[in-house]
Amino acid sequence: MQFVSPYQGQYAVVLSAQSPSLELPAPTDVTPEDVRQMIIYLRKAKDRAMAIRDRSPAGSYMESVLTRTIDGITLELSQLDYLLARKPAETAEAASSARRMRPAI
């Protein structure tokens, strides 16, 4: 894995010096069906948090925490919806090369 930022590379060196057994997690293969199941789970969690927030006292700490949690879940749901709507990278590249314009004269 290549680090984009030089700062991240410095931190990786420091972390590996402190803990030699520290490794990056292996990439996980996720299917669109897995993403759909995660969306269902997050929607149920959001509905549950909204129900609890509606029963909490107005202006309380719990209400503010639940509001931030609901906002975070909403953001995650929108990102997962975006991932499902996108075409895989290999398919998009293959389709674009087939539709290339003819060379200029």
Protein backbone atom coordinates (compact mmCIF):
# COMPACT_ATOMS: atom_id res chain seq x y z
CA MET A 1 0.00 0.00 0.00
CA GLN A 2 1.34 3.40 -0.96
CA PHE A 3 0.89 6.35 1.38
CA VAL A 4 -0.32 9.54 -0.26
CA SER A 5 0.86 11.92 2.40
CA PRO A 6 4.47 11.97 3.62
CA TYR A 7 3.14 12.52 7.14
CA GLN A 8 1.35 9.20 7.07
CA GLY A 9 4.56 7.48 6.04
CA GLN A 10 6.38 9.00 9.02
CA TYR A 11 3.68 7.82 11.38
CA ALA A 12 3.79 4.33 9.88
CA VAL A 13 7.52 4.16 10.58
CA VAL A 14 7.03 5.29 14.17
CA LEU A 15 4.22 2.81 14.75
CA SER A 16 6.14 -0.08 13.27
CA ALA A 17 9.16 0.78 15.42
CA GLN A 18 7.05 0.66 18.57
CA SER A 19 5.13 -2.47 17.67
CA PRO A 20 6.74 -4.81 15.12
CA SER A 21 3.63 -7.03 15.00
CA LEU A 22 1.38 -4.12 13.88
CA GLU A 23 0.12 -4.83 10.36
CA LEU A 24 -2.51 -3.27 8.15
CA PRO A 25 -5.71 -5.27 7.88
CA ALA A 26 -6.21 -7.27 4.73
CA PRO A 27 -8.67 -5.84 2.18
CA THR A 28 -12.17 -7.28 2.40
CA ASP A 29 -14.14 -8.32 -0.65
CA VAL A 30 -17.63 -6.86 -0.44
CA THR A 31 -20.48 -7.67 -2.78
CA PRO A 32 -23.37 -5.33 -3.62
CA GLU A 33 -25.62 -7.62 -1.58
CA ASP A 34 -23.39 -7.08 1.48
CA VAL A 35 -23.71 -3.33 0.99
CA ARG A 36 -27.50 -3.62 0.72
CA GLN A 37 -27.62 -5.59 3.97
CA MET A 38 -25.50 -2.93 5.67
CA ILE A 39 -27.90 -0.26 4.40
CA ILE A 40 -30.86 -2.16 5.89
CA TYR A 41 -29.03 -2.49 9.21
CA LEU A 42 -28.12 1.21 9.30
CA ARG A 43 -31.67 2.29 8.44
CA LYS A 44 -33.02 0.21 11.33
CA ALA A 45 -30.38 1.67 13.67
CA LYS A 46 -31.26 5.19 12.51
CA ASP A 47 -34.99 4.59 13.07
CA ARG A 48 -34.26 3.23 16.54
CA ALA A 49 -32.05 6.21 17.41
CA MET A 50 -34.74 8.60 16.17
CA ALA A 51 -37.37 6.88 18.33
CA ILE A 52 -35.15 7.12 21.41
CA ARG A 53 -34.30 10.76 20.64
CA ASP A 54 -38.00 11.61 20.32
CA ARG A 55 -38.59 10.26 23.85
CA SER A 56 -35.59 12.04 25.41
CA PRO A 57 -35.91 15.44 27.11
CA ALA A 58 -35.38 18.41 24.81
CA GLY A 59 -31.96 20.01 25.16
CA SER A 60 -30.49 17.06 27.05
CA TYR A 61 -27.05 15.60 26.43
CA MET A 62 -28.61 12.38 25.19
CA GLU A 63 -30.61 14.26 22.57
CA SER A 64 -27.50 16.01 21.27
CA VAL A 65 -25.54 12.74 21.11
CA LEU A 66 -28.36 10.98 19.30
CA THR A 67 -28.70 13.88 16.85
CA ARG A 68 -25.00 13.61 15.97
CA THR A 69 -25.32 9.83 15.70
CA ILE A 70 -28.31 10.13 13.36
CA ASP A 71 -26.41 12.65 11.23
CA GLY A 72 -23.45 10.26 11.02
CA ILE A 73 -25.66 7.33 10.04
CA THR A 74 -27.35 9.49 7.39
CA LEU A 75 -23.95 10.35 5.94
CA GLU A 76 -22.92 6.68 5.88
CA LEU A 77 -26.18 5.73 4.18
CA SER A 78 -25.67 8.33 1.46
CA GLN A 79 -22.12 7.10 0.85
CA LEU A 80 -23.27 3.48 0.60
CA ASP A 81 -26.05 4.48 -1.81
CA TYR A 82 -23.42 6.25 -3.91
CA LEU A 83 -21.23 3.13 -3.94
CA LEU A 84 -24.13 1.00 -5.13
CA ALA A 85 -24.95 3.45 -7.93
CA ARG A 86 -21.37 3.56 -9.29
CA LYS A 87 -20.14 1.14 -11.88
CA PRO A 88 -17.03 -0.89 -11.09
CA ALA A 89 -13.79 0.72 -12.30
CA GLU A 90 -12.92 -2.05 -14.78
CA THR A 91 -16.32 -1.86 -16.47
CA ALA A 92 -16.18 1.91 -16.84
CA GLU A 93 -12.68 1.82 -18.37
CA ALA A 94 -13.62 -0.91 -20.86
CA ALA A 95 -16.76 0.93 -21.94
CA SER A 96 -14.94 4.24 -22.41
CA SER A 97 -12.23 2.72 -24.60
CA ALA A 98 -14.87 1.17 -26.88
CA ARG A 99 -16.52 4.57 -27.46
CA ARG A 100 -13.39 6.56 -28.22
CA MET A 101 -13.66 9.16 -30.91
CA ARG A 102 -11.81 8.68 -34.16
CA PRO A 103 -8.39 10.37 -34.39
CA ALA A 104 -8.27 14.02 -35.46
CA ILE A 105 -7.29 14.71 -39.07
